C-alpha atoms as a PDB file:
ATOM      1  CA  UNK A   1      23.695 -62.692 -31.276  1.00  0.00           C
ATOM      2  CA  UNK A   2      25.131 -60.386 -34.082  1.00  0.00           C
ATOM      3  CA  UNK A   3      22.484 -59.800 -36.987  1.00  0.00           C
ATOM      4  CA  UNK A   4      23.232 -58.217 -40.626  1.00  0.00           C
ATOM      5  CA  UNK A   5      20.712 -56.293 -41.958  1.00  0.00           C
ATOM      6  CA  UNK A   6      20.484 -56.283 -45.911  1.00  0.00           C
ATOM      7  CA  UNK A   7      18.101 -53.454 -46.841  1.00  0.00           C
ATOM      8  CA  UNK A   8      17.973 -51.020 -49.767  1.00  0.00           C
ATOM      9  CA  UNK A   9      15.018 -48.808 -48.014  1.00  0.00           C
ATOM     10  CA  UNK A  10      16.848 -46.661 -45.506  1.00  0.00           C
ATOM     11  CA  UNK A  11      13.745 -45.745 -43.447  1.00  0.00           C
ATOM     12  CA  UNK A  12      12.915 -49.673 -43.561  1.00  0.00           C
ATOM     13  CA  UNK A  13      15.805 -51.076 -42.562  1.00  0.00           C
ATOM     14  CA  UNK A  14      15.765 -48.636 -38.796  1.00  0.00           C
ATOM     15  CA  UNK A  15      12.469 -49.085 -38.676  1.00  0.00           C
ATOM     16  CA  UNK A  16      13.340 -53.088 -38.621  1.00  0.00           C
ATOM     17  CA  UNK A  17      16.763 -52.310 -36.430  1.00  0.00           C
ATOM     18  CA  UNK A  18      14.421 -50.199 -33.978  1.00  0.00           C
ATOM     19  CA  UNK A  19      12.096 -53.299 -34.105  1.00  0.00           C
ATOM     20  CA  UNK A  20      15.059 -55.773 -33.798  1.00  0.00           C
ATOM     21  CA  UNK A  21      15.595 -54.183 -30.267  1.00  0.00           C
ATOM     22  CA  UNK A  22      12.208 -54.232 -28.687  1.00  0.00           C
ATOM     23  CA  UNK A  23      12.277 -57.888 -29.706  1.00  0.00           C
ATOM     24  CA  UNK A  24      15.018 -58.978 -28.401  1.00  0.00           C
ATOM     25  CA  UNK A  25      17.484 -56.625 -26.262  1.00  0.00           C
ATOM     26  CA  UNK A  26      20.436 -59.254 -27.014  1.00  0.00           C
ATOM     27  CA  UNK A  27      20.876 -59.099 -30.538  1.00  0.00           C
ATOM     28  CA  UNK A  28      23.071 -56.531 -31.736  1.00  0.00           C
ATOM     29  CA  UNK A  29      22.960 -55.213 -35.346  1.00  0.00           C
ATOM     30  CA  UNK A  30      26.334 -54.843 -36.224  1.00  0.00           C
ATOM     31  CA  UNK A  31      25.875 -53.187 -39.816  1.00  0.00           C
ATOM     32  CA  UNK A  32      23.269 -52.210 -42.801  1.00  0.00           C
ATOM     33  CA  UNK A  33      23.925 -52.873 -45.697  1.00  0.00           C
ATOM     34  CA  UNK A  34      21.843 -52.160 -49.566  1.00  0.00           C
ATOM     35  CA  UNK A  35      23.780 -53.999 -52.271  1.00  0.00           C
ATOM     36  CA  UNK A  36      25.003 -57.218 -53.429  1.00  0.00           C
ATOM     37  CA  UNK A  37      28.533 -56.207 -53.979  1.00  0.00           C
ATOM     38  CA  UNK A  38      28.758 -54.218 -50.702  1.00  0.00           C
ATOM     39  CA  UNK A  39      27.385 -57.302 -49.010  1.00  0.00           C
ATOM     40  CA  UNK A  40      29.886 -59.846 -50.692  1.00  0.00           C
ATOM     41  CA  UNK A  41      32.504 -57.708 -49.530  1.00  0.00           C
ATOM     42  CA  UNK A  42      31.196 -57.662 -45.716  1.00  0.00           C
ATOM     43  CA  UNK A  43      30.746 -61.516 -46.030  1.00  0.00           C
ATOM     44  CA  UNK A  44      34.186 -62.105 -47.077  1.00  0.00           C
ATOM     45  CA  UNK A  45      35.494 -60.890 -43.599  1.00  0.00           C
ATOM     46  CA  UNK A  46      32.534 -60.996 -41.192  1.00  0.00           C
ATOM     47  CA  UNK A  47      29.977 -63.853 -40.214  1.00  0.00           C
ATOM     48  CA  UNK A  48      27.270 -62.487 -38.066  1.00  0.00           C
ATOM     49  CA  UNK A  49      24.918 -65.024 -36.449  1.00  0.00           C
ATOM     50  CA  UNK A  50      21.618 -64.456 -38.451  1.00  0.00           C
ATOM     51  CA  UNK A  51      21.066 -62.210 -42.286  1.00  0.00           C
ATOM     52  CA  UNK A  52      17.590 -59.661 -42.424  1.00  0.00           C
ATOM     53  CA  UNK A  53      17.901 -59.931 -46.350  1.00  0.00           C
ATOM     54  CA  UNK A  54      15.435 -57.736 -48.463  1.00  0.00           C
ATOM     55  CA  UNK A  55      14.493 -59.350 -51.909  1.00  0.00           C
ATOM     56  CA  UNK A  56      15.339 -56.998 -54.216  1.00  0.00           C
ATOM     57  CA  UNK A  57      18.568 -54.657 -53.417  1.00  0.00           C
ATOM     58  CA  UNK A  58      19.983 -51.184 -54.883  1.00  0.00           C
ATOM     59  CA  UNK A  59      22.093 -53.311 -57.348  1.00  0.00           C
ATOM     60  CA  UNK A  60      20.519 -56.623 -57.982  1.00  0.00           C
ATOM     61  CA  UNK A  61      18.416 -59.160 -56.031  1.00  0.00           C
ATOM     62  CA  UNK A  62      19.527 -60.742 -53.666  1.00  0.00           C
ATOM     63  CA  UNK A  63      20.035 -64.289 -54.502  1.00  0.00           C
ATOM     64  CA  UNK A  64      23.387 -63.320 -56.309  1.00  0.00           C
ATOM     65  CA  UNK A  65      24.579 -63.549 -52.612  1.00  0.00           C
ATOM     66  CA  UNK A  66      24.321 -67.022 -53.086  1.00  0.00           C
ATOM     67  CA  UNK A  67      25.460 -67.685 -56.535  1.00  0.00           C
ATOM     68  CA  UNK A  68      29.132 -65.455 -55.423  1.00  0.00           C
ATOM     69  CA  UNK A  69      29.461 -67.250 -51.795  1.00  0.00           C
ATOM     70  CA  UNK A  70      29.213 -70.290 -49.937  1.00  0.00           C
ATOM     71  CA  UNK A  71      26.726 -68.755 -47.339  1.00  0.00           C
ATOM     72  CA  UNK A  72      26.006 -71.078 -44.124  1.00  0.00           C
ATOM     73  CA  UNK A  73      24.497 -68.150 -42.151  1.00  0.00           C
ATOM     74  CA  UNK A  74      20.621 -68.759 -41.317  1.00  0.00           C
ATOM     75  CA  UNK A  75      18.550 -65.879 -43.410  1.00  0.00           C
ATOM     76  CA  UNK A  76      15.370 -64.552 -42.763  1.00  0.00           C
ATOM     77  CA  UNK A  77      13.756 -63.003 -45.931  1.00  0.00           C
ATOM     78  CA  UNK A  78      12.216 -59.617 -46.289  1.00  0.00           C
ATOM     79  CA  UNK A  79       9.637 -59.593 -49.132  1.00  0.00           C
ATOM     80  CA  UNK A  80       7.109 -57.332 -50.410  1.00  0.00           C
ATOM     81  CA  UNK A  81       5.605 -59.762 -52.733  1.00  0.00           C
ATOM     82  CA  UNK A  82       2.700 -61.887 -53.620  1.00  0.00           C
ATOM     83  CA  UNK A  83       1.594 -65.191 -51.576  1.00  0.00           C
ATOM     84  CA  UNK A  84       3.166 -66.909 -54.777  1.00  0.00           C
ATOM     85  CA  UNK A  85       6.694 -65.987 -53.513  1.00  0.00           C
ATOM     86  CA  UNK A  86       5.549 -66.732 -49.754  1.00  0.00           C
ATOM     87  CA  UNK A  87       4.577 -70.142 -50.527  1.00  0.00           C
ATOM     88  CA  UNK A  88       7.820 -70.554 -52.114  1.00  0.00           C
ATOM     89  CA  UNK A  89       9.377 -69.924 -48.827  1.00  0.00           C
ATOM     90  CA  UNK A  90       7.368 -72.569 -46.844  1.00  0.00           C
ATOM     91  CA  UNK A  91       8.229 -75.103 -49.307  1.00  0.00           C
ATOM     92  CA  UNK A  92      12.399 -74.089 -49.006  1.00  0.00           C
ATOM     93  CA  UNK A  93      11.579 -74.042 -45.376  1.00  0.00           C
ATOM     94  CA  UNK A  94      12.873 -70.146 -45.120  1.00  0.00           C
ATOM     95  CA  UNK A  95      11.433 -67.818 -42.728  1.00  0.00           C
ATOM     96  CA  UNK A  96      10.390 -64.492 -44.190  1.00  0.00           C
ATOM     97  CA  UNK A  97       8.895 -61.797 -43.118  1.00  0.00           C
ATOM     98  CA  UNK A  98       6.603 -59.844 -45.177  1.00  0.00           C
ATOM     99  CA  UNK A  99       6.816 -55.729 -45.023  1.00  0.00           C
ATOM    100  CA  UNK A 100       5.692 -54.124 -43.491  1.00  0.00           C
ATOM    101  CA  UNK A 101       7.312 -55.990 -40.889  1.00  0.00           C
ATOM    102  CA  UNK A 102       4.944 -56.253 -37.631  1.00  0.00           C
ATOM    103  CA  UNK A 103       6.368 -57.279 -34.213  1.00  0.00           C
ATOM    104  CA  UNK A 104       4.507 -60.154 -33.525  1.00  0.00           C
ATOM    105  CA  UNK A 105       5.637 -61.881 -36.904  1.00  0.00           C
ATOM    106  CA  UNK A 106       9.280 -60.684 -35.947  1.00  0.00           C
ATOM    107  CA  UNK A 107       8.783 -62.599 -32.722  1.00  0.00           C
ATOM    108  CA  UNK A 108       7.912 -65.568 -34.095  1.00  0.00           C
ATOM    109  CA  UNK A 109      10.746 -65.783 -36.949  1.00  0.00           C
ATOM    110  CA  UNK A 110      13.662 -65.385 -34.084  1.00  0.00           C
ATOM    111  CA  UNK A 111      11.779 -67.951 -32.247  1.00  0.00           C
ATOM    112  CA  UNK A 112      11.745 -70.277 -34.935  1.00  0.00           C
ATOM    113  CA  UNK A 113      15.399 -69.488 -35.510  1.00  0.00           C
ATOM    114  CA  UNK A 114      15.878 -70.577 -31.972  1.00  0.00           C
ATOM    115  CA  UNK A 115      14.238 -73.690 -32.132  1.00  0.00           C
ATOM    116  CA  UNK A 116      16.248 -74.401 -35.910  1.00  0.00           C
ATOM    117  CA  UNK A 117      19.512 -73.562 -33.116  1.00  0.00           C
ATOM    118  CA  UNK A 118      20.861 -71.314 -36.018  1.00  0.00           C
ATOM    119  CA  UNK A 119      20.793 -73.950 -38.603  1.00  0.00           C
ATOM    120  CA  UNK A 120      21.127 -72.473 -42.425  1.00  0.00           C
ATOM    121  CA  UNK A 121      19.084 -73.351 -45.027  1.00  0.00           C
ATOM    122  CA  UNK A 122      20.989 -75.064 -47.587  1.00  0.00           C
ATOM    123  CA  UNK A 123      22.603 -74.031 -51.000  1.00  0.00           C
ATOM    124  CA  UNK A 124      20.244 -76.502 -52.446  1.00  0.00           C
ATOM    125  CA  UNK A 125      17.392 -74.648 -51.044  1.00  0.00           C
ATOM    126  CA  UNK A 126      18.663 -71.464 -52.041  1.00  0.00           C
ATOM    127  CA  UNK A 127      19.346 -72.521 -55.432  1.00  0.00           C
ATOM    128  CA  UNK A 128      15.897 -73.568 -55.482  1.00  0.00           C
ATOM    129  CA  UNK A 129      14.188 -70.809 -54.188  1.00  0.00           C
ATOM    130  CA  UNK A 130      16.346 -68.360 -56.865  1.00  0.00           C
ATOM    131  CA  UNK A 131      14.620 -70.888 -59.730  1.00  0.00           C
ATOM    132  CA  UNK A 132      11.148 -70.237 -58.238  1.00  0.00           C
ATOM    133  CA  UNK A 133      11.944 -66.167 -58.081  1.00  0.00           C
ATOM    134  CA  UNK A 134      13.065 -66.109 -61.693  1.00  0.00           C
ATOM    135  CA  UNK A 135       9.955 -68.177 -62.622  1.00  0.00           C
ATOM    136  CA  UNK A 136       7.469 -65.852 -60.553  1.00  0.00           C
ATOM    137  CA  UNK A 137       8.972 -62.695 -62.015  1.00  0.00           C
ATOM    138  CA  UNK A 138       7.705 -60.912 -59.018  1.00  0.00           C
ATOM    139  CA  UNK A 139      10.363 -58.242 -59.365  1.00  0.00           C
ATOM    140  CA  UNK A 140       8.240 -54.747 -58.691  1.00  0.00           C
ATOM    141  CA  UNK A 141       7.613 -52.913 -56.008  1.00  0.00           C
ATOM    142  CA  UNK A 142       4.096 -53.649 -54.250  1.00  0.00           C
ATOM    143  CA  UNK A 143       4.513 -50.928 -51.368  1.00  0.00           C
ATOM    144  CA  UNK A 144       7.195 -48.667 -50.421  1.00  0.00           C
ATOM    145  CA  UNK A 145       7.965 -47.493 -46.522  1.00  0.00           C
ATOM    146  CA  UNK A 146       7.751 -43.701 -46.191  1.00  0.00           C
ATOM    147  CA  UNK A 147       8.163 -41.468 -43.471  1.00  0.00           C
ATOM    148  CA  UNK A 148       4.915 -40.148 -42.046  1.00  0.00           C
ATOM    149  CA  UNK A 149       5.485 -37.412 -38.790  1.00  0.00           C
ATOM    150  CA  UNK A 150       7.722 -39.291 -36.337  1.00  0.00           C
ATOM    151  CA  UNK A 151       6.476 -42.975 -37.731  1.00  0.00           C
ATOM    152  CA  UNK A 152       6.489 -44.844 -40.995  1.00  0.00           C
ATOM    153  CA  UNK A 153       3.289 -45.772 -43.195  1.00  0.00           C
ATOM    154  CA  UNK A 154       3.060 -48.508 -45.725  1.00  0.00           C
ATOM    155  CA  UNK A 155       2.589 -46.289 -48.927  1.00  0.00           C
ATOM    156  CA  UNK A 156       0.650 -49.307 -51.679  1.00  0.00           C
ATOM    157  CA  UNK A 157       2.540 -48.587 -55.236  1.00  0.00           C
ATOM    158  CA  UNK A 158      -1.412 -48.124 -56.186  1.00  0.00           C
ATOM    159  CA  UNK A 159      -1.391 -45.132 -54.184  1.00  0.00           C
ATOM    160  CA  UNK A 160       1.316 -43.104 -56.325  1.00  0.00           C
ATOM    161  CA  UNK A 161       0.347 -40.789 -59.007  1.00  0.00           C
ATOM    162  CA  UNK A 162       3.787 -39.848 -59.908  1.00  0.00           C
ATOM    163  CA  UNK A 163       7.171 -39.195 -58.851  1.00  0.00           C
ATOM    164  CA  UNK A 164       9.191 -36.011 -59.700  1.00  0.00           C
ATOM    165  CA  UNK A 165      12.262 -34.174 -58.240  1.00  0.00           C
ATOM    166  CA  UNK A 166      11.731 -30.802 -56.834  1.00  0.00           C
ATOM    167  CA  UNK A 167      14.155 -29.009 -54.488  1.00  0.00           C
ATOM    168  CA  UNK A 168      16.986 -32.010 -54.899  1.00  0.00           C
ATOM    169  CA  UNK A 169      14.591 -34.329 -53.445  1.00  0.00           C
ATOM    170  CA  UNK A 170      12.833 -36.703 -55.431  1.00  0.00           C
ATOM    171  CA  UNK A 171       9.044 -37.434 -54.019  1.00  0.00           C
ATOM    172  CA  UNK A 172       6.060 -39.915 -54.418  1.00  0.00           C
ATOM    173  CA  UNK A 173       3.317 -37.758 -55.002  1.00  0.00           C
ATOM    174  CA  UNK A 174      -0.033 -39.718 -54.576  1.00  0.00           C
ATOM    175  CA  UNK A 175      -3.487 -39.639 -55.895  1.00  0.00           C
ATOM    176  CA  UNK A 176      -4.745 -37.379 -52.971  1.00  0.00           C
ATOM    177  CA  UNK A 177      -1.996 -35.053 -53.030  1.00  0.00           C
ATOM    178  CA  UNK A 178       0.103 -35.724 -50.453  1.00  0.00           C
ATOM    179  CA  UNK A 179       4.003 -36.290 -51.090  1.00  0.00           C
ATOM    180  CA  UNK A 180       6.572 -38.010 -49.277  1.00  0.00           C
ATOM    181  CA  UNK A 181      10.248 -38.149 -49.722  1.00  0.00           C
ATOM    182  CA  UNK A 182      11.998 -41.057 -50.776  1.00  0.00           C
ATOM    183  CA  UNK A 183      15.580 -41.777 -51.001  1.00  0.00           C
ATOM    184  CA  UNK A 184      16.442 -43.804 -54.506  1.00  0.00           C
ATOM    185  CA  UNK A 185      17.154 -41.849 -57.666  1.00  0.00           C
ATOM    186  CA  UNK A 186      14.105 -41.718 -60.747  1.00  0.00           C
ATOM    187  CA  UNK A 187      16.255 -44.131 -62.684  1.00  0.00           C
ATOM    188  CA  UNK A 188      16.452 -46.378 -59.387  1.00  0.00           C
ATOM    189  CA  UNK A 189      12.513 -46.201 -59.031  1.00  0.00           C
ATOM    190  CA  UNK A 190      11.949 -46.817 -62.351  1.00  0.00           C
ATOM    191  CA  UNK A 191      12.986 -49.909 -62.485  1.00  0.00           C
ATOM    192  CA  UNK A 192      11.720 -51.269 -59.703  1.00  0.00           C
ATOM    193  CA  UNK A 193       7.799 -49.837 -60.903  1.00  0.00           C
ATOM    194  CA  UNK A 194       5.846 -52.174 -63.121  1.00  0.00           C
ATOM    195  CA  UNK A 195       6.205 -50.256 -67.161  1.00  0.00           C
ATOM    196  CA  UNK A 196       2.602 -51.494 -67.089  1.00  0.00           C
ATOM    197  CA  UNK A 197       1.586 -48.872 -64.846  1.00  0.00           C
ATOM    198  CA  UNK A 198       4.588 -46.437 -64.726  1.00  0.00           C
ATOM    199  CA  UNK A 199       6.944 -44.260 -67.484  1.00  0.00           C
ATOM    200  CA  UNK A 200       9.484 -41.916 -67.435  1.00  0.00           C
ATOM    201  CA  UNK A 201       8.376 -38.903 -69.061  1.00  0.00           C
ATOM    202  CA  UNK A 202      11.282 -36.919 -68.873  1.00  0.00           C
ATOM    203  CA  UNK A 203      14.239 -36.522 -66.221  1.00  0.00           C
ATOM    204  CA  UNK A 204      12.123 -34.997 -63.805  1.00  0.00           C
ATOM    205  CA  UNK A 205       9.015 -37.059 -63.753  1.00  0.00           C
ATOM    206  CA  UNK A 206       7.869 -40.498 -63.507  1.00  0.00           C
ATOM    207  CA  UNK A 207       3.654 -40.896 -64.439  1.00  0.00           C
ATOM    208  CA  UNK A 208       1.398 -43.411 -63.770  1.00  0.00           C
ATOM    209  CA  UNK A 209      -1.292 -44.473 -66.032  1.00  0.00           C
ATOM    210  CA  UNK A 210      -3.852 -43.439 -63.759  1.00  0.00           C
ATOM    211  CA  UNK A 211      -2.973 -39.803 -63.287  1.00  0.00           C
ATOM    212  CA  UNK A 212      -3.038 -38.729 -66.503  1.00  0.00           C
ATOM    213  CA  UNK A 213      -6.043 -36.719 -67.462  1.00  0.00           C
ATOM    214  CA  UNK A 214      -5.308 -35.480 -71.188  1.00  0.00           C
ATOM    215  CA  UNK A 215      -2.148 -35.496 -73.450  1.00  0.00           C
ATOM    216  CA  UNK A 216      -1.646 -32.777 -76.382  1.00  0.00           C
ATOM    217  CA  UNK A 217       0.859 -31.866 -78.859  1.00  0.00           C
ATOM    218  CA  UNK A 218       3.599 -29.176 -77.680  1.00  0.00           C
ATOM    219  CA  UNK A 219       6.146 -27.258 -79.281  1.00  0.00           C
ATOM    220  CA  UNK A 220       9.014 -28.453 -80.788  1.00  0.00           C
ATOM    221  CA  UNK A 221       7.972 -32.096 -81.223  1.00  0.00           C
ATOM    222  CA  UNK A 222       7.108 -32.682 -76.819  1.00  0.00           C
ATOM    223  CA  UNK A 223       3.835 -33.584 -75.631  1.00  0.00           C
ATOM    224  CA  UNK A 224       1.899 -31.989 -72.703  1.00  0.00           C
ATOM    225  CA  UNK A 225       0.629 -34.360 -70.144  1.00  0.00           C
ATOM    226  CA  UNK A 226      -2.543 -33.281 -67.851  1.00  0.00           C
ATOM    227  CA  UNK A 227      -2.303 -34.953 -64.370  1.00  0.00           C
ATOM    228  CA  UNK A 228      -4.306 -35.361 -61.661  1.00  0.00           C
ATOM    229  CA  UNK A 229      -3.097 -34.060 -59.381  1.00  0.00           C
ATOM    230  CA  UNK A 230      -1.547 -30.859 -61.063  1.00  0.00           C
ATOM    231  CA  UNK A 231       2.042 -29.938 -61.232  1.00  0.00           C
ATOM    232  CA  UNK A 232       3.374 -26.921 -60.780  1.00  0.00           C
ATOM    233  CA  UNK A 233       4.710 -26.354 -64.018  1.00  0.00           C
ATOM    234  CA  UNK A 234       3.761 -27.977 -67.474  1.00  0.00           C
ATOM    235  CA  UNK A 235       4.684 -31.685 -67.209  1.00  0.00           C
ATOM    236  CA  UNK A 236       6.503 -32.286 -70.767  1.00  0.00           C
ATOM    237  CA  UNK A 237       7.387 -35.563 -72.302  1.00  0.00           C
ATOM    238  CA  UNK A 238      10.920 -34.922 -73.733  1.00  0.00           C
ATOM    239  CA  UNK A 239      11.526 -35.357 -77.414  1.00  0.00           C
ATOM    240  CA  UNK A 240      14.107 -38.486 -76.335  1.00  0.00           C
ATOM    241  CA  UNK A 241      11.558 -39.973 -74.418  1.00  0.00           C
ATOM    242  CA  UNK A 242       8.511 -39.296 -76.671  1.00  0.00           C
ATOM    243  CA  UNK A 243       8.572 -42.458 -78.994  1.00  0.00           C
ATOM    244  CA  UNK A 244       8.431 -44.910 -75.410  1.00  0.00           C
ATOM    245  CA  UNK A 245       5.443 -42.645 -74.240  1.00  0.00           C
ATOM    246  CA  UNK A 246       3.616 -43.326 -77.455  1.00  0.00           C
ATOM    247  CA  UNK A 247       3.801 -46.553 -77.397  1.00  0.00           C
ATOM    248  CA  UNK A 248       2.961 -46.654 -73.829  1.00  0.00           C
ATOM    249  CA  UNK A 249      -0.063 -44.772 -74.293  1.00  0.00           C
ATOM    250  CA  UNK A 250      -1.053 -46.673 -77.517  1.00  0.00           C
ATOM    251  CA  UNK A 251      -0.640 -43.758 -79.603  1.00  0.00           C
END
């Protein structure tokens, strides 16, 4: 059986591929894609037996695929969203895996796929799920899969103090000072995070409400942000970002 993984987190995709091999060695992962456009182009020329599909992709939501294409391939959705979205999957008879994916859950999903004899969900069901998705507006990341040593850990967004660019690397910095490399740009990251809790203050930093200790006026109409854990250099709100930052802080 040939399977396609559509996942915009490379680490999560590689981990899922390894997990699939452990669960069923007869499944061949033929490709790993991370965007709606690349997936649409791929499915125009290929027809895998099963798709593992993340909700949020690098260029949009996965449900856009079902607006573009007539997909008759069974789909196992991958989600980091809350119980409301899980209920939507159940009602529409679509299987899902909650991140971080566990081996026993994947085995159960594959067993369900076999019981259904590879039958795909109807287009009407998928359109209904898309409506439920828009209704719930559960569009923000709850957690990130990050590499730790030789393995992976699930890092809850609430553990993130700020995100920064250092030496051409983008890092998640936790409230206890641990750093994890991520593959996303800062612009991609800010679109994934709840704007009530995170804001971009300059081209190199995104900060959370919880990490801010104090803010002070600074030269040239800028503002100094003191955070915990502290940064190596002064963390300044650029003039272009200052009006949004003031509104966000209620200043």
